Amino acid sequence: MTPETIRIISNLRQEFYSLFVAEMAVPVKISGSSYNSSSLVASWTDASQYLNYVNIYAYSAPDAFQSERPFILRLAINKGAGDIAVARKGPLCRGLNRKWCFELTILPEEILEFLPWVVSLVEAKAKGSLSSVEEPPYPVTFSDTNSSFTTEAWTQRARQRIDQELCVNH
């Protein structure tokens, strides 16, 4: 990744996590992950005492060899960071939430507008009813994987941008 891309990801991650902390109804901690000290995650313990986390990272980004590669982010909930350091693990924490995970592939300019939607998704999942999830700010395509607890989604614009890249390079 280019230094500019790294800076943008770092700034977006910090801003998103700060807003996420403010919007969530439960305490959220921002900390470094075990696999990459420069990558922060935001984590919280749910009502069942499982640790949940959100991680933002580059799905695709320009670099020194491919400066035209599209800049696309992935927002992952309970997935994508491997086994993060579980600082909160103790008598009140039952470990990482492996019951559900979610990945949203998104453009950098869309991510902050998705914050209220992500919070509503997390809160709805905690209640066990996804019917209360608000409408996303941009069109999203969902693709359920083989697992009943994992969902992947792409914003329409992120999918178009990666599809254009695949057409150009093949």
Protein backbone atom coordinates (compact mmCIF):
# COMPACT_ATOMS: atom_id res chain seq x y z
CA MET A 1 0.00 0.00 0.00
CA THR A 2 1.08 3.53 -0.60
CA PRO A 3 1.85 5.76 2.40
CA GLU A 4 -1.15 7.93 1.49
CA THR A 5 -3.47 4.88 1.49
CA ILE A 6 -2.12 3.78 4.87
CA ARG A 7 -2.74 7.27 6.27
CA ILE A 8 -6.31 7.35 4.91
CA ILE A 9 -7.13 3.92 6.36
CA SER A 10 -5.68 4.90 9.72
CA ASN A 11 -7.70 8.13 9.81
CA LEU A 12 -10.93 6.47 8.71
CA ARG A 13 -10.47 3.66 11.21
CA GLN A 14 -9.87 6.10 14.08
CA GLU A 15 -12.85 8.25 13.13
CA PHE A 16 -15.19 5.29 12.62
CA TYR A 17 -14.19 3.66 15.92
CA SER A 18 -14.55 6.92 17.85
CA LEU A 19 -18.06 7.40 16.46
CA PHE A 20 -18.85 3.71 17.03
CA VAL A 21 -17.89 4.05 20.71
CA ALA A 22 -20.20 7.05 21.04
CA GLU A 23 -23.17 5.34 19.31
CA MET A 24 -23.07 1.92 20.98
CA ALA A 25 -25.28 1.30 24.00
CA VAL A 26 -22.56 -0.81 25.66
CA PRO A 27 -18.95 0.07 26.56
CA VAL A 28 -16.57 -0.34 23.62
CA LYS A 29 -12.78 -0.53 23.87
CA ILE A 30 -10.39 0.42 21.07
CA SER A 31 -7.16 -1.58 21.12
CA GLY A 32 -4.42 -3.03 18.93
CA SER A 33 -4.80 -6.50 17.50
CA SER A 34 -2.44 -9.39 18.08
CA TYR A 35 -1.54 -9.90 14.42
CA ASN A 36 -0.65 -6.32 13.49
CA SER A 37 0.09 -3.64 16.04
CA SER A 38 -0.82 -0.87 13.58
CA SER A 39 -4.31 -2.27 13.11
CA LEU A 40 -6.83 -1.27 15.73
CA VAL A 41 -10.06 -3.06 16.57
CA ALA A 42 -13.07 -1.90 18.53
CA SER A 43 -14.40 -4.56 20.90
CA TRP A 44 -17.30 -4.98 23.30
CA THR A 45 -18.84 -7.69 25.44
CA ASP A 46 -22.43 -8.63 24.61
CA ALA A 47 -25.22 -9.60 27.02
CA SER A 48 -24.15 -13.27 26.77
CA GLN A 49 -20.65 -12.22 27.90
CA TYR A 50 -19.00 -12.98 24.55
CA LEU A 51 -16.37 -10.65 23.15
CA ASN A 52 -17.28 -9.07 19.80
CA TYR A 53 -15.09 -6.87 17.64
CA VAL A 54 -15.12 -4.77 14.50
CA ASN A 55 -12.06 -4.45 12.30
CA ILE A 56 -11.52 -2.19 9.29
CA TYR A 57 -8.81 -3.02 6.75
CA ALA A 58 -7.93 -2.68 3.08
CA TYR A 59 -9.55 -5.26 0.83
CA SER A 60 -7.84 -3.75 -2.21
CA ALA A 61 -5.49 -0.77 -2.37
CA PRO A 62 -3.05 0.88 -4.75
CA ASP A 63 0.61 0.12 -4.21
CA ALA A 64 3.99 0.81 -5.85
CA PHE A 65 3.42 -1.87 -8.50
CA GLN A 66 -0.28 -1.32 -9.23
CA SER A 67 -1.08 2.33 -8.70
CA GLU A 68 -4.46 1.97 -10.45
CA ARG A 69 -5.71 -0.81 -8.18
CA PRO A 70 -9.06 0.23 -6.63
CA PHE A 71 -9.09 1.38 -3.02
CA ILE A 72 -11.72 -0.71 -1.26
CA LEU A 73 -12.17 -1.37 2.45
CA ARG A 74 -13.63 -4.24 4.38
CA LEU A 75 -15.45 -3.78 7.66
CA ALA A 76 -15.51 -7.10 9.50
CA ILE A 77 -17.44 -7.96 12.64
CA ASN A 78 -16.08 -10.96 14.55
CA LYS A 79 -14.00 -11.94 11.52
CA GLY A 80 -10.88 -10.88 9.72
CA ALA A 81 -8.52 -10.28 12.60
CA GLY A 82 -7.88 -13.89 13.53
CA ASP A 83 -7.76 -14.47 17.24
CA ILE A 84 -7.40 -10.98 18.58
CA ALA A 85 -5.79 -10.46 21.93
CA VAL A 86 -8.59 -10.93 24.42
CA ALA A 87 -7.70 -8.34 27.02
CA ARG A 88 -11.17 -8.54 28.56
CA LYS A 89 -11.08 -12.31 28.95
CA GLY A 90 -11.66 -13.22 32.53
CA PRO A 91 -14.45 -14.39 34.80
CA LEU A 92 -16.99 -12.15 33.05
CA CYS A 93 -15.97 -12.99 29.46
CA ARG A 94 -16.71 -16.35 27.83
CA GLY A 95 -14.30 -15.76 24.91
CA LEU A 96 -14.72 -14.60 21.33
CA ASN A 97 -18.18 -14.59 19.80
CA ARG A 98 -17.95 -17.28 17.15
CA LYS A 99 -21.73 -17.51 16.72
CA TRP A 100 -21.93 -14.80 14.08
CA CYS A 101 -19.72 -12.72 11.89
CA PHE A 102 -20.27 -10.24 9.13
CA GLU A 103 -18.18 -8.60 6.40
CA LEU A 104 -19.09 -5.45 4.50
CA THR A 105 -16.93 -4.53 1.52
CA ILE A 106 -17.20 -0.80 1.03
CA LEU A 107 -15.60 2.25 -0.54
CA PRO A 108 -13.64 4.56 1.78
CA GLU A 109 -15.97 7.46 1.04
CA GLU A 110 -19.01 5.38 2.10
CA ILE A 111 -17.81 3.97 5.42
CA LEU A 112 -18.69 6.80 7.80
CA GLU A 113 -22.21 7.02 6.39
CA PHE A 114 -22.64 3.32 7.21
CA LEU A 115 -21.92 3.83 10.92
CA PRO A 116 -25.59 4.11 12.06
CA TRP A 117 -26.46 1.07 9.95
CA VAL A 118 -23.60 -1.00 11.44
CA VAL A 119 -24.65 -0.01 14.96
CA SER A 120 -28.27 -0.98 14.20
CA LEU A 121 -27.05 -4.33 12.78
CA VAL A 122 -25.00 -5.08 15.92
CA GLU A 123 -27.88 -4.10 18.21
CA ALA A 124 -30.42 -6.10 16.20
CA LYS A 125 -28.17 -9.15 16.19
CA ALA A 126 -27.79 -8.85 19.97
CA LYS A 127 -31.60 -8.81 20.30
CA GLY A 128 -31.92 -11.79 17.97
CA SER A 129 -34.12 -9.97 15.47
CA LEU A 130 -32.74 -8.48 12.29
CA SER A 131 -36.11 -6.91 11.46
CA SER A 132 -35.09 -3.75 13.34
CA VAL A 133 -32.00 -3.08 11.18
CA GLU A 134 -32.42 0.24 9.44
CA GLU A 135 -31.99 0.70 5.70
CA PRO A 136 -28.38 1.07 4.56
CA PRO A 137 -27.40 4.50 3.20
CA TYR A 138 -26.33 2.97 -0.15
CA PRO A 139 -27.52 -0.12 -2.01
CA VAL A 140 -26.01 -3.32 -0.60
CA THR A 141 -25.93 -6.83 -2.01
CA PHE A 142 -25.92 -9.66 0.54
CA SER A 143 -24.53 -13.09 -0.12
CA ASP A 144 -25.02 -15.74 2.50
CA THR A 145 -22.19 -18.20 2.73
CA ASN A 146 -22.57 -21.89 3.52
CA SER A 147 -22.54 -21.07 7.21
CA SER A 148 -25.76 -20.01 8.87
CA PHE A 149 -24.00 -17.38 11.00
CA THR A 150 -21.86 -15.63 8.40
CA THR A 151 -23.01 -12.98 5.96
CA GLU A 152 -21.04 -11.04 3.44
CA ALA A 153 -22.22 -7.85 1.81
CA TRP A 154 -20.87 -5.44 -0.77
CA THR A 155 -21.99 -1.95 -1.48
CA GLN A 156 -23.06 -1.62 -5.08
CA ARG A 157 -20.34 0.92 -5.83
CA ALA A 158 -17.58 -1.23 -4.28
CA ARG A 159 -18.72 -4.22 -6.37
CA GLN A 160 -18.74 -2.09 -9.53
CA ARG A 161 -15.26 -0.77 -8.82
CA ILE A 162 -13.74 -4.23 -8.27
CA ASP A 163 -15.59 -5.65 -11.28
CA GLN A 164 -14.16 -2.85 -13.45
CA GLU A 165 -10.67 -3.71 -12.20
CA LEU A 166 -11.19 -7.40 -13.02
CA CYS A 167 -12.39 -6.55 -16.54
CA VAL A 168 -9.43 -4.25 -17.21
CA ASN A 169 -6.82 -6.75 -15.99
CA HIS A 170 -8.21 -9.88 -17.67
